[in-house]
Amino acid sequence: MSFEVDYYALGMRIRAAREKKFLTQEQLGEMCSLSTAHIGHIERGTRTPSVDTLCSISSALNVSLDSLLLDNFESDDKLSHLSAILQGKDPDKVKRFITMITAMAEKIDEI
């Protein structure tokens, strides 16, 4: 399977997520230890962000990498909501919860 990143579209999704959080490019840059100019280049698709930079932006905006990289990730809202609910919870309990959900998902057609 081949996958090419549309950096312009990636930038637009980053911009949309940033604006949804009412953040400026400068504020996002500070959160990610990046310059305002670099954030601007990424949002315009004129710079290719590293994986580390994408992870930092994703974390700062509290969005999944999938939602930034893929055009239509329909379940992103559900996953973002679930992620928000699980933030700050006991990591061991979260791990058990994910294990249970994974087991259920594998058997979903039998439920």
Protein backbone atom coordinates (compact mmCIF):
# COMPACT_ATOMS: atom_id res chain seq x y z
CA MET A 1 0.00 0.00 0.00
CA SER A 2 1.38 3.36 -1.03
CA PHE A 3 0.67 6.57 0.81
CA GLU A 4 1.66 10.07 -0.25
CA VAL A 5 1.23 12.96 2.11
CA ASP A 6 -0.51 16.04 0.72
CA TYR A 7 1.40 18.65 2.71
CA TYR A 8 -0.92 21.46 1.70
CA ALA A 9 -3.94 19.51 2.98
CA LEU A 10 -1.98 18.53 6.11
CA GLY A 11 -1.27 22.20 6.74
CA MET A 12 -4.92 23.10 6.27
CA ARG A 13 -5.97 20.44 8.80
CA ILE A 14 -3.37 21.73 11.29
CA ARG A 15 -4.62 25.29 10.77
CA ALA A 16 -8.24 24.21 11.25
CA ALA A 17 -7.39 22.31 14.45
CA ARG A 18 -5.37 25.27 15.75
CA GLU A 19 -8.18 27.72 15.02
CA LYS A 20 -10.72 25.38 16.62
CA LYS A 21 -8.66 25.69 19.83
CA PHE A 22 -8.53 29.50 19.38
CA LEU A 23 -4.73 29.43 19.26
CA THR A 24 -2.49 31.73 17.25
CA GLN A 25 0.45 30.40 15.26
CA GLU A 26 2.69 32.00 17.87
CA GLN A 27 0.94 30.18 20.73
CA LEU A 28 1.12 26.83 18.92
CA GLY A 29 4.77 27.48 18.13
CA GLU A 30 5.51 28.13 21.80
CA MET A 31 3.70 24.96 22.82
CA CYS A 32 5.76 22.95 20.32
CA SER A 33 9.08 24.83 20.67
CA LEU A 34 8.81 26.00 17.05
CA SER A 35 8.97 29.45 15.55
CA THR A 36 5.83 31.20 14.38
CA ALA A 37 7.32 31.30 10.88
CA HIS A 38 7.85 27.52 10.91
CA ILE A 39 4.22 26.93 11.95
CA GLY A 40 3.16 29.23 9.11
CA HIS A 41 5.26 27.28 6.58
CA ILE A 42 3.80 23.98 7.79
CA GLU A 43 0.26 25.34 7.56
CA ARG A 44 0.89 26.58 4.00
CA GLY A 45 2.46 23.27 3.02
CA THR A 46 5.79 24.87 2.10
CA ARG A 47 7.75 22.92 4.74
CA THR A 48 7.72 19.22 5.44
CA PRO A 49 7.37 18.64 9.18
CA SER A 50 9.35 15.85 10.82
CA VAL A 51 7.57 13.02 12.61
CA ASP A 52 8.65 14.56 15.92
CA THR A 53 7.16 17.91 14.89
CA LEU A 54 3.90 16.28 13.81
CA CYS A 55 3.70 14.42 17.12
CA SER A 56 4.33 17.64 19.01
CA ILE A 57 1.65 19.52 17.05
CA SER A 58 -0.79 16.63 17.42
CA SER A 59 -0.24 16.56 21.17
CA ALA A 60 -0.50 20.34 21.56
CA LEU A 61 -3.76 20.41 19.62
CA ASN A 62 -5.06 17.24 21.30
CA VAL A 63 -5.85 15.62 17.95
CA SER A 64 -4.76 12.28 16.54
CA LEU A 65 -2.04 11.98 13.94
CA ASP A 66 -4.60 10.18 11.76
CA SER A 67 -6.83 13.23 11.71
CA LEU A 68 -3.93 15.39 10.59
CA LEU A 69 -2.60 12.98 7.96
CA LEU A 70 -5.83 11.62 6.51
CA ASP A 71 -8.56 13.60 4.77
CA ASN A 72 -11.60 11.80 6.11
CA PHE A 73 -11.07 9.86 9.29
CA GLU A 74 -14.72 9.50 10.23
CA SER A 75 -14.24 8.04 13.67
CA ASP A 76 -11.77 10.72 14.72
CA ASP A 77 -14.38 12.64 16.72
CA LYS A 78 -15.30 9.49 18.63
CA LEU A 79 -11.66 8.62 19.21
CA SER A 80 -10.81 12.17 20.29
CA HIS A 81 -13.73 12.13 22.70
CA LEU A 82 -12.64 8.78 24.14
CA SER A 83 -9.05 9.99 24.38
CA ALA A 84 -10.17 13.09 26.28
CA ILE A 85 -12.17 10.95 28.69
CA LEU A 86 -9.18 8.68 29.36
CA GLN A 87 -6.66 11.48 29.89
CA GLY A 88 -5.45 11.65 33.45
CA LYS A 89 -6.79 8.21 34.34
CA ASP A 90 -4.68 5.44 35.85
CA PRO A 91 -2.45 4.16 33.00
CA ASP A 92 -2.81 0.52 34.07
CA LYS A 93 -6.59 0.78 34.07
CA VAL A 94 -6.53 2.52 30.67
CA LYS A 95 -4.38 -0.31 29.30
CA ARG A 96 -6.86 -2.92 30.59
CA PHE A 97 -9.76 -0.92 29.17
CA ILE A 98 -8.12 -0.78 25.73
CA THR A 99 -7.43 -4.52 25.89
CA MET A 100 -11.10 -5.18 26.64
CA ILE A 101 -12.31 -2.84 23.87
CA THR A 102 -9.90 -4.44 21.39
CA ALA A 103 -11.20 -7.91 22.26
CA MET A 104 -14.79 -6.72 21.85
CA ALA A 105 -14.00 -5.02 18.53
CA GLU A 106 -12.51 -8.24 17.18
CA LYS A 107 -15.81 -10.01 17.97
CA ILE A 108 -18.16 -7.18 17.03
CA ASP A 109 -19.91 -9.18 14.31
CA GLU A 110 -20.76 -11.86 16.86
CA ILE A 111 -22.24 -9.44 19.42
